[in-house]
């Protein structure tokens, strides 16, 4: 898994603590695990209602110039190949 400075747990925690409530968003972080339960990736997301439509988006809040899932390319490709993931996310 790749982790970048703007995805470190403390950075993400501070974004959630300081920006979620004022921006009226709900943290919706998705953990990707193997069949055995090992962590394979993390999708840091938030849920927000915009003009009546609920959106699921990356946790950058417009204050970061970088955001991406924390996972290997193999894990992301496997997720993209899953019909259930495409239909529900």
PDB file of N, CA and C in Angstrom:
ATOM      1  N   UNK A   1       0.838  -1.172   0.000  1.00  0.00           N
ATOM      2  CA  UNK A   1       0.000   0.000   0.000  1.00  0.00           C
ATOM      3  C   UNK A   1       0.881   1.232   0.000  1.00  0.00           C
ATOM      4  N   UNK A   2       0.439   2.238  -0.707  1.00  0.00           N
ATOM      5  CA  UNK A   2       1.150   3.503  -0.732  1.00  0.00           C
ATOM      6  C   UNK A   2       0.415   4.476   0.177  1.00  0.00           C
ATOM      7  N   UNK A   3       1.159   5.198   0.978  1.00  0.00           N
ATOM      8  CA  UNK A   3       0.557   6.227   1.816  1.00  0.00           C
ATOM      9  C   UNK A   3       1.360   7.492   1.628  1.00  0.00           C
ATOM     10  N   UNK A   4       0.660   8.591   1.455  1.00  0.00           N
ATOM     11  CA  UNK A   4       1.302   9.871   1.243  1.00  0.00           C
ATOM     12  C   UNK A   4       1.028  10.771   2.435  1.00  0.00           C
ATOM     13  N   UNK A   5       1.779  11.855   2.557  1.00  0.00           N
ATOM     14  CA  UNK A   5       1.663  12.749   3.716  1.00  0.00           C
ATOM     15  C   UNK A   5       0.227  13.180   3.961  1.00  0.00           C
ATOM     16  N   UNK A   6      -0.509  13.506   2.890  1.00  0.00           N
ATOM     17  CA  UNK A   6      -1.871  13.989   3.057  1.00  0.00           C
ATOM     18  C   UNK A   6      -2.872  12.877   3.313  1.00  0.00           C
ATOM     19  N   UNK A   7      -2.387  11.648   3.462  1.00  0.00           N
ATOM     20  CA  UNK A   7      -3.263  10.528   3.767  1.00  0.00           C
ATOM     21  C   UNK A   7      -2.865   9.852   5.076  1.00  0.00           C
ATOM     22  N   UNK A   8      -1.908  10.411   5.761  1.00  0.00           N
ATOM     23  CA  UNK A   8      -1.480   9.841   7.039  1.00  0.00           C
ATOM     24  C   UNK A   8      -2.650   9.905   8.021  1.00  0.00           C
ATOM     25  N   UNK A   9      -2.747   8.946   8.930  1.00  0.00           N
ATOM     26  CA  UNK A   9      -3.885   8.916   9.851  1.00  0.00           C
ATOM     27  C   UNK A   9      -4.091  10.223  10.621  1.00  0.00           C
ATOM     28  N   UNK A  10      -3.035  10.854  11.114  1.00  0.00           N
ATOM     29  CA  UNK A  10      -3.202  12.097  11.873  1.00  0.00           C
ATOM     30  C   UNK A  10      -3.740  13.217  10.984  1.00  0.00           C
ATOM     31  N   UNK A  11      -3.222  13.327   9.764  1.00  0.00           N
ATOM     32  CA  UNK A  11      -3.699  14.347   8.820  1.00  0.00           C
ATOM     33  C   UNK A  11      -5.195  14.137   8.546  1.00  0.00           C
ATOM     34  N   UNK A  12      -5.585  12.900   8.251  1.00  0.00           N
ATOM     35  CA  UNK A  12      -6.975  12.607   7.951  1.00  0.00           C
ATOM     36  C   UNK A  12      -7.872  12.875   9.163  1.00  0.00           C
ATOM     37  N   UNK A  13      -7.393  12.499  10.336  1.00  0.00           N
ATOM     38  CA  UNK A  13      -8.160  12.725  11.562  1.00  0.00           C
ATOM     39  C   UNK A  13      -8.423  14.222  11.754  1.00  0.00           C
ATOM     40  N   UNK A  14      -7.400  15.046  11.557  1.00  0.00           N
ATOM     41  CA  UNK A  14      -7.560  16.488  11.736  1.00  0.00           C
ATOM     42  C   UNK A  14      -8.506  17.075  10.686  1.00  0.00           C
ATOM     43  N   UNK A  15      -8.428  16.597   9.448  1.00  0.00           N
ATOM     44  CA  UNK A  15      -9.379  17.054   8.425  1.00  0.00           C
ATOM     45  C   UNK A  15     -10.806  16.741   8.859  1.00  0.00           C
ATOM     46  N   UNK A  16     -11.014  15.510   9.316  1.00  0.00           N
ATOM     47  CA  UNK A  16     -12.357  15.109   9.736  1.00  0.00           C
ATOM     48  C   UNK A  16     -12.830  15.929  10.931  1.00  0.00           C
ATOM     49  N   UNK A  17     -11.978  16.087  11.932  1.00  0.00           N
ATOM     50  CA  UNK A  17     -12.372  16.797  13.150  1.00  0.00           C
ATOM     51  C   UNK A  17     -12.686  18.266  12.892  1.00  0.00           C
ATOM     52  N   UNK A  18     -11.900  18.893  12.052  1.00  0.00           N
ATOM     53  CA  UNK A  18     -12.046  20.348  11.871  1.00  0.00           C
ATOM     54  C   UNK A  18     -12.944  20.751  10.719  1.00  0.00           C
ATOM     55  N   UNK A  19     -13.144  19.898   9.735  1.00  0.00           N
ATOM     56  CA  UNK A  19     -13.883  20.329   8.552  1.00  0.00           C
ATOM     57  C   UNK A  19     -15.214  19.627   8.321  1.00  0.00           C
ATOM     58  N   UNK A  20     -15.384  18.413   8.820  1.00  0.00           N
ATOM     59  CA  UNK A  20     -16.623  17.686   8.535  1.00  0.00           C
ATOM     60  C   UNK A  20     -17.863  18.423   9.033  1.00  0.00           C
ATOM     61  N   UNK A  21     -17.865  18.811  10.279  1.00  0.00           N
ATOM     62  CA  UNK A  21     -19.058  19.450  10.836  1.00  0.00           C
ATOM     63  C   UNK A  21     -19.351  20.795  10.163  1.00  0.00           C
ATOM     64  N   UNK A  22     -18.372  21.709  10.049  1.00  0.00           N
ATOM     65  CA  UNK A  22     -18.680  22.989   9.392  1.00  0.00           C
ATOM     66  C   UNK A  22     -19.135  22.837   7.940  1.00  0.00           C
ATOM     67  N   UNK A  23     -18.615  21.827   7.236  1.00  0.00           N
ATOM     68  CA  UNK A  23     -18.979  21.624   5.832  1.00  0.00           C
ATOM     69  C   UNK A  23     -20.192  20.711   5.665  1.00  0.00           C
ATOM     70  N   UNK A  24     -20.728  20.238   6.791  1.00  0.00           N
ATOM     71  CA  UNK A  24     -21.910  19.362   6.796  1.00  0.00           C
ATOM     72  C   UNK A  24     -21.697  18.103   5.972  1.00  0.00           C
ATOM     73  N   UNK A  25     -20.571  17.459   6.199  1.00  0.00           N
ATOM     74  CA  UNK A  25     -20.284  16.191   5.543  1.00  0.00           C
ATOM     75  C   UNK A  25     -20.117  15.107   6.601  1.00  0.00           C
ATOM     76  N   UNK A  26     -20.251  13.864   6.185  1.00  0.00           N
ATOM     77  CA  UNK A  26     -20.114  12.725   7.083  1.00  0.00           C
ATOM     78  C   UNK A  26     -18.955  11.867   6.586  1.00  0.00           C
ATOM     79  N   UNK A  27     -18.036  11.583   7.492  1.00  0.00           N
ATOM     80  CA  UNK A  27     -16.909  10.715   7.147  1.00  0.00           C
ATOM     81  C   UNK A  27     -17.449   9.367   6.684  1.00  0.00           C
ATOM     82  N   UNK A  28     -16.890   8.862   5.605  1.00  0.00           N
ATOM     83  CA  UNK A  28     -17.339   7.580   5.067  1.00  0.00           C
ATOM     84  C   UNK A  28     -16.115   6.845   4.506  1.00  0.00           C
ATOM     85  N   UNK A  29     -15.167   6.543   5.379  1.00  0.00           N
ATOM     86  CA  UNK A  29     -13.943   5.879   4.974  1.00  0.00           C
ATOM     87  C   UNK A  29     -14.222   4.399   4.741  1.00  0.00           C
ATOM     88  N   UNK A  30     -13.762   3.895   3.606  1.00  0.00           N
ATOM     89  CA  UNK A  30     -13.977   2.494   3.247  1.00  0.00           C
ATOM     90  C   UNK A  30     -12.662   1.739   3.409  1.00  0.00           C
ATOM     91  N   UNK A  31     -12.668   0.696   4.225  1.00  0.00           N
ATOM     92  CA  UNK A  31     -11.497  -0.164   4.393  1.00  0.00           C
ATOM     93  C   UNK A  31     -11.660  -1.370   3.467  1.00  0.00           C
ATOM     94  N   UNK A  32     -10.622  -1.668   2.726  1.00  0.00           N
ATOM     95  CA  UNK A  32     -10.631  -2.811   1.811  1.00  0.00           C
ATOM     96  C   UNK A  32      -9.817  -3.915   2.465  1.00  0.00           C
ATOM     97  N   UNK A  33     -10.448  -5.065   2.677  1.00  0.00           N
ATOM     98  CA  UNK A  33      -9.771  -6.169   3.367  1.00  0.00           C
ATOM     99  C   UNK A  33      -9.799  -7.429   2.510  1.00  0.00           C
ATOM    100  N   UNK A  34      -8.791  -8.248   2.701  1.00  0.00           N
ATOM    101  CA  UNK A  34      -8.746  -9.545   2.019  1.00  0.00           C
ATOM    102  C   UNK A  34      -9.744 -10.479   2.686  1.00  0.00           C
ATOM    103  N   UNK A  35      -9.945 -11.652   2.082  1.00  0.00           N
ATOM    104  CA  UNK A  35     -10.841 -12.648   2.667  1.00  0.00           C
ATOM    105  C   UNK A  35     -10.424 -13.048   4.072  1.00  0.00           C
ATOM    106  N   UNK A  36      -9.120 -12.961   4.364  1.00  0.00           N
ATOM    107  CA  UNK A  36      -8.614 -13.290   5.690  1.00  0.00           C
ATOM    108  C   UNK A  36      -8.655 -12.129   6.665  1.00  0.00           C
ATOM    109  N   UNK A  37      -9.090 -10.954   6.197  1.00  0.00           N
ATOM    110  CA  UNK A  37      -9.222  -9.796   7.077  1.00  0.00           C
ATOM    111  C   UNK A  37      -8.056  -8.823   7.044  1.00  0.00           C
ATOM    112  N   UNK A  38      -6.984  -9.136   6.279  1.00  0.00           N
ATOM    113  CA  UNK A  38      -5.833  -8.231   6.219  1.00  0.00           C
ATOM    114  C   UNK A  38      -6.195  -6.965   5.449  1.00  0.00           C
ATOM    115  N   UNK A  39      -5.775  -5.821   5.962  1.00  0.00           N
ATOM    116  CA  UNK A  39      -6.045  -4.546   5.318  1.00  0.00           C
ATOM    117  C   UNK A  39      -5.316  -4.473   3.984  1.00  0.00           C
ATOM    118  N   UNK A  40      -6.066  -4.199   2.911  1.00  0.00           N
ATOM    119  CA  UNK A  40      -5.507  -4.118   1.566  1.00  0.00           C
ATOM    120  C   UNK A  40      -5.518  -2.701   1.023  1.00  0.00           C
ATOM    121  N   UNK A  41      -6.362  -1.853   1.605  1.00  0.00           N
ATOM    122  CA  UNK A  41      -6.438  -0.482   1.123  1.00  0.00           C
ATOM    123  C   UNK A  41      -7.456   0.318   1.905  1.00  0.00           C
ATOM    124  N   UNK A  42      -7.418   1.628   1.701  1.00  0.00           N
ATOM    125  CA  UNK A  42      -8.336   2.537   2.369  1.00  0.00           C
ATOM    126  C   UNK A  42      -8.786   3.586   1.351  1.00  0.00           C
ATOM    127  N   UNK A  43     -10.086   3.827   1.302  1.00  0.00           N
ATOM    128  CA  UNK A  43     -10.635   4.887   0.457  1.00  0.00           C
ATOM    129  C   UNK A  43     -11.175   5.975   1.385  1.00  0.00           C
ATOM    130  N   UNK A  44     -10.414   7.055   1.592  1.00  0.00           N
ATOM    131  CA  UNK A  44     -10.888   8.132   2.461  1.00  0.00           C
ATOM    132  C   UNK A  44     -11.926   8.977   1.720  1.00  0.00           C
ATOM    133  N   UNK A  45     -13.180   8.830   2.123  1.00  0.00           N
ATOM    134  CA  UNK A  45     -14.287   9.508   1.446  1.00  0.00           C
ATOM    135  C   UNK A  45     -15.163  10.247   2.454  1.00  0.00           C
ATOM    136  N   UNK A  46     -15.994  11.146   1.955  1.00  0.00           N
ATOM    137  CA  UNK A  46     -17.028  11.790   2.760  1.00  0.00           C
ATOM    138  C   UNK A  46     -18.323  11.776   1.966  1.00  0.00           C
ATOM    139  N   UNK A  47     -19.423  11.763   2.714  1.00  0.00           N
ATOM    140  CA  UNK A  47     -20.759  11.853   2.130  1.00  0.00           C
ATOM    141  C   UNK A  47     -21.268  13.264   2.346  1.00  0.00           C
ATOM    142  N   UNK A  48     -21.776  13.877   1.279  1.00  0.00           N
ATOM    143  CA  UNK A  48     -22.264  15.247   1.377  1.00  0.00           C
ATOM    144  C   UNK A  48     -23.523  15.400   0.536  1.00  0.00           C
ATOM    145  N   UNK A  49     -24.458  16.164   1.042  1.00  0.00           N
ATOM    146  CA  UNK A  49     -25.675  16.467   0.290  1.00  0.00           C
ATOM    147  C   UNK A  49     -25.462  17.790  -0.430  1.00  0.00           C
ATOM    148  N   UNK A  50     -25.580  17.747  -1.749  1.00  0.00           N
ATOM    149  CA  UNK A  50     -25.410  18.935  -2.576  1.00  0.00           C
ATOM    150  C   UNK A  50     -26.677  19.110  -3.401  1.00  0.00           C
ATOM    151  N   UNK A  51     -27.412  20.187  -3.152  1.00  0.00           N
ATOM    152  CA  UNK A  51     -28.653  20.467  -3.881  1.00  0.00           C
ATOM    153  C   UNK A  51     -29.587  19.260  -3.889  1.00  0.00           C
ATOM    154  N   UNK A  52     -29.699  18.590  -2.737  1.00  0.00           N
ATOM    155  CA  UNK A  52     -30.596  17.460  -2.599  1.00  0.00           C
ATOM    156  C   UNK A  52     -30.035  16.120  -3.041  1.00  0.00           C
ATOM    157  N   UNK A  53     -28.869  16.125  -3.659  1.00  0.00           N
ATOM    158  CA  UNK A  53     -28.241  14.892  -4.136  1.00  0.00           C
ATOM    159  C   UNK A  53     -27.114  14.502  -3.179  1.00  0.00           C
ATOM    160  N   UNK A  54     -27.111  13.249  -2.734  1.00  0.00           N
ATOM    161  CA  UNK A  54     -26.043  12.782  -1.854  1.00  0.00           C
ATOM    162  C   UNK A  54     -24.862  12.345  -2.711  1.00  0.00           C
ATOM    163  N   UNK A  55     -23.698  12.921  -2.410  1.00  0.00           N
ATOM    164  CA  UNK A  55     -22.491  12.576  -3.153  1.00  0.00           C
ATOM    165  C   UNK A  55     -21.493  11.897  -2.237  1.00  0.00           C
ATOM    166  N   UNK A  56     -20.683  11.047  -2.819  1.00  0.00           N
ATOM    167  CA  UNK A  56     -19.588  10.390  -2.124  1.00  0.00           C
ATOM    168  C   UNK A  56     -18.330  10.872  -2.831  1.00  0.00           C
ATOM    169  N   UNK A  57     -17.449  11.538  -2.098  1.00  0.00           N
ATOM    170  CA  UNK A  57     -16.290  12.145  -2.739  1.00  0.00           C
ATOM    171  C   UNK A  57     -15.036  12.018  -1.891  1.00  0.00           C
ATOM    172  N   UNK A  58     -13.908  12.286  -2.524  1.00  0.00           N
ATOM    173  CA  UNK A  58     -12.614  12.206  -1.830  1.00  0.00           C
ATOM    174  C   UNK A  58     -12.547  13.254  -0.726  1.00  0.00           C
ATOM    175  N   UNK A  59     -11.800  12.923   0.316  1.00  0.00           N
ATOM    176  CA  UNK A  59     -11.651  13.814   1.459  1.00  0.00           C
ATOM    177  C   UNK A  59     -10.510  14.795   1.190  1.00  0.00           C
ATOM    178  N   UNK A  60     -10.746  15.760   0.343  1.00  0.00           N
ATOM    179  CA  UNK A  60      -9.737  16.809   0.217  1.00  0.00           C
ATOM    180  C   UNK A  60     -10.333  18.163   0.571  1.00  0.00           C
ATOM    181  N   UNK A  61     -11.658  18.250   0.565  1.00  0.00           N
ATOM    182  CA  UNK A  61     -12.384  19.461   0.954  1.00  0.00           C
ATOM    183  C   UNK A  61     -11.909  20.708   0.212  1.00  0.00           C
ATOM    184  N   UNK A  62     -11.168  20.523  -0.866  1.00  0.00           N
ATOM    185  CA  UNK A  62     -10.639  21.670  -1.590  1.00  0.00           C
ATOM    186  C   UNK A  62      -9.448  22.321  -0.923  1.00  0.00           C
ATOM    187  N   UNK A  63      -8.892  21.678   0.124  1.00  0.00           N
ATOM    188  CA  UNK A  63      -7.739  22.264   0.814  1.00  0.00           C
ATOM    189  C   UNK A  63      -6.439  21.523   0.502  1.00  0.00           C
ATOM    190  N   UNK A  64      -6.532  20.440  -0.237  1.00  0.00           N
ATOM    191  CA  UNK A  64      -5.353  19.661  -0.614  1.00  0.00           C
ATOM    192  C   UNK A  64      -5.256  19.646  -2.135  1.00  0.00           C
ATOM    193  N   UNK A  65      -4.050  19.575  -2.631  1.00  0.00           N
ATOM    194  CA  UNK A  65      -3.904  19.491  -4.077  1.00  0.00           C
ATOM    195  C   UNK A  65      -3.678  18.047  -4.522  1.00  0.00           C
ATOM    196  N   UNK A  66      -3.858  17.102  -3.600  1.00  0.00           N
ATOM    197  CA  UNK A  66      -3.640  15.707  -3.924  1.00  0.00           C
ATOM    198  C   UNK A  66      -4.581  14.847  -3.097  1.00  0.00           C
ATOM    199  N   UNK A  67      -5.195  13.878  -3.733  1.00  0.00           N
ATOM    200  CA  UNK A  67      -5.940  12.858  -2.994  1.00  0.00           C
ATOM    201  C   UNK A  67      -6.023  11.620  -3.858  1.00  0.00           C
ATOM    202  N   UNK A  68      -5.960  10.498  -3.223  1.00  0.00           N
ATOM    203  CA  UNK A  68      -6.018   9.229  -3.948  1.00  0.00           C
ATOM    204  C   UNK A  68      -6.303   8.114  -2.952  1.00  0.00           C
ATOM    205  N   UNK A  69      -6.827   7.004  -3.440  1.00  0.00           N
ATOM    206  CA  UNK A  69      -6.996   5.853  -2.559  1.00  0.00           C
ATOM    207  C   UNK A  69      -5.638   5.361  -2.076  1.00  0.00           C
ATOM    208  N   UNK A  70      -5.623   4.801  -0.888  1.00  0.00           N
ATOM    209  CA  UNK A  70      -4.400   4.211  -0.348  1.00  0.00           C
ATOM    210  C   UNK A  70      -4.503   2.716  -0.601  1.00  0.00           C
ATOM    211  N   UNK A  71      -3.956   2.273  -1.744  1.00  0.00           N
ATOM    212  CA  UNK A  71      -4.015   0.864  -2.128  1.00  0.00           C
ATOM    213  C   UNK A  71      -3.077   0.639  -3.300  1.00  0.00           C
ATOM    214  N   UNK A  72      -2.710  -0.600  -3.490  1.00  0.00           N
ATOM    215  CA  UNK A  72      -1.859  -0.925  -4.635  1.00  0.00           C
ATOM    216  C   UNK A  72      -2.687  -0.893  -5.918  1.00  0.00           C
ATOM    217  N   UNK A  73      -2.029  -0.780  -7.038  1.00  0.00           N
ATOM    218  CA  UNK A  73      -2.719  -0.799  -8.329  1.00  0.00           C
ATOM    219  C   UNK A  73      -3.491  -2.103  -8.513  1.00  0.00           C
ATOM    220  N   UNK A  74      -2.917  -3.215  -8.047  1.00  0.00           N
ATOM    221  CA  UNK A  74      -3.576  -4.511  -8.182  1.00  0.00           C
ATOM    222  C   UNK A  74      -4.907  -4.539  -7.441  1.00  0.00           C
ATOM    223  N   UNK A  75      -4.924  -3.997  -6.235  1.00  0.00           N
ATOM    224  CA  UNK A  75      -6.157  -3.975  -5.448  1.00  0.00           C
ATOM    225  C   UNK A  75      -7.194  -3.083  -6.126  1.00  0.00           C
ATOM    226  N   UNK A  76      -6.778  -1.924  -6.608  1.00  0.00           N
ATOM    227  CA  UNK A  76      -7.711  -1.011  -7.266  1.00  0.00           C
ATOM    228  C   UNK A  76      -8.277  -1.613  -8.557  1.00  0.00           C
ATOM    229  N   UNK A  77      -7.444  -2.301  -9.319  1.00  0.00           N
ATOM    230  CA  UNK A  77      -7.920  -2.955 -10.540  1.00  0.00           C
ATOM    231  C   UNK A  77      -8.909  -4.078 -10.213  1.00  0.00           C
ATOM    232  N   UNK A  78      -8.621  -4.829  -9.161  1.00  0.00           N
ATOM    233  CA  UNK A  78      -9.535  -5.902  -8.749  1.00  0.00           C
ATOM    234  C   UNK A  78     -10.878  -5.321  -8.321  1.00  0.00           C
ATOM    235  N   UNK A  79     -10.873  -4.202  -7.605  1.00  0.00           N
ATOM    236  CA  UNK A  79     -12.122  -3.553  -7.206  1.00  0.00           C
ATOM    237  C   UNK A  79     -12.902  -3.072  -8.418  1.00  0.00           C
ATOM    238  N   UNK A  80     -12.202  -2.456  -9.359  1.00  0.00           N
ATOM    239  CA  UNK A  80     -12.854  -1.942 -10.568  1.00  0.00           C
ATOM    240  C   UNK A  80     -13.489  -3.066 -11.383  1.00  0.00           C
ATOM    241  N   UNK A  81     -12.951  -4.254 -11.273  1.00  0.00           N
ATOM    242  CA  UNK A  81     -13.485  -5.396 -12.017  1.00  0.00           C
ATOM    243  C   UNK A  81     -14.724  -5.999 -11.354  1.00  0.00           C
ATOM    244  N   UNK A  82     -14.975  -5.646 -10.105  1.00  0.00           N
ATOM    245  CA  UNK A  82     -16.115  -6.197  -9.364  1.00  0.00           C
ATOM    246  C   UNK A  82     -17.400  -5.429  -9.687  1.00  0.00           C
ATOM    247  N   UNK A  83     -18.361  -6.127 -10.218  1.00  0.00           N
ATOM    248  CA  UNK A  83     -19.626  -5.494 -10.590  1.00  0.00           C
ATOM    249  C   UNK A  83     -20.309  -4.851  -9.388  1.00  0.00           C
ATOM    250  N   UNK A  84     -20.314  -5.543  -8.260  1.00  0.00           N
ATOM    251  CA  UNK A  84     -20.969  -5.022  -7.058  1.00  0.00           C
ATOM    252  C   UNK A  84     -20.360  -3.677  -6.662  1.00  0.00           C
ATOM    253  N   UNK A  85     -19.054  -3.563  -6.720  1.00  0.00           N
ATOM    254  CA  UNK A  85     -18.389  -2.308  -6.352  1.00  0.00           C
ATOM    255  C   UNK A  85     -18.812  -1.197  -7.311  1.00  0.00           C
ATOM    256  N   UNK A  86     -18.796  -1.472  -8.591  1.00  0.00           N
ATOM    257  CA  UNK A  86     -19.187  -0.455  -9.579  1.00  0.00           C
ATOM    258  C   UNK A  86     -20.633  -0.012  -9.377  1.00  0.00           C
ATOM    259  N   UNK A  87     -21.508  -0.919  -9.025  1.00  0.00           N
ATOM    260  CA  UNK A  87     -22.924  -0.584  -8.866  1.00  0.00           C
ATOM    261  C   UNK A  87     -23.225   0.165  -7.562  1.00  0.00           C
ATOM    262  N   UNK A  88     -22.445  -0.110  -6.513  1.00  0.00           N
ATOM    263  CA  UNK A  88     -22.769   0.464  -5.212  1.00  0.00           C
ATOM    264  C   UNK A  88     -21.895   1.632  -4.789  1.00  0.00           C
ATOM    265  N   UNK A  89     -20.747   1.769  -5.384  1.00  0.00           N
ATOM    266  CA  UNK A  89     -19.876   2.897  -5.004  1.00  0.00           C
ATOM    267  C   UNK A  89     -19.915   3.939  -6.088  1.00  0.00           C
TER     268      UNK A  89
END
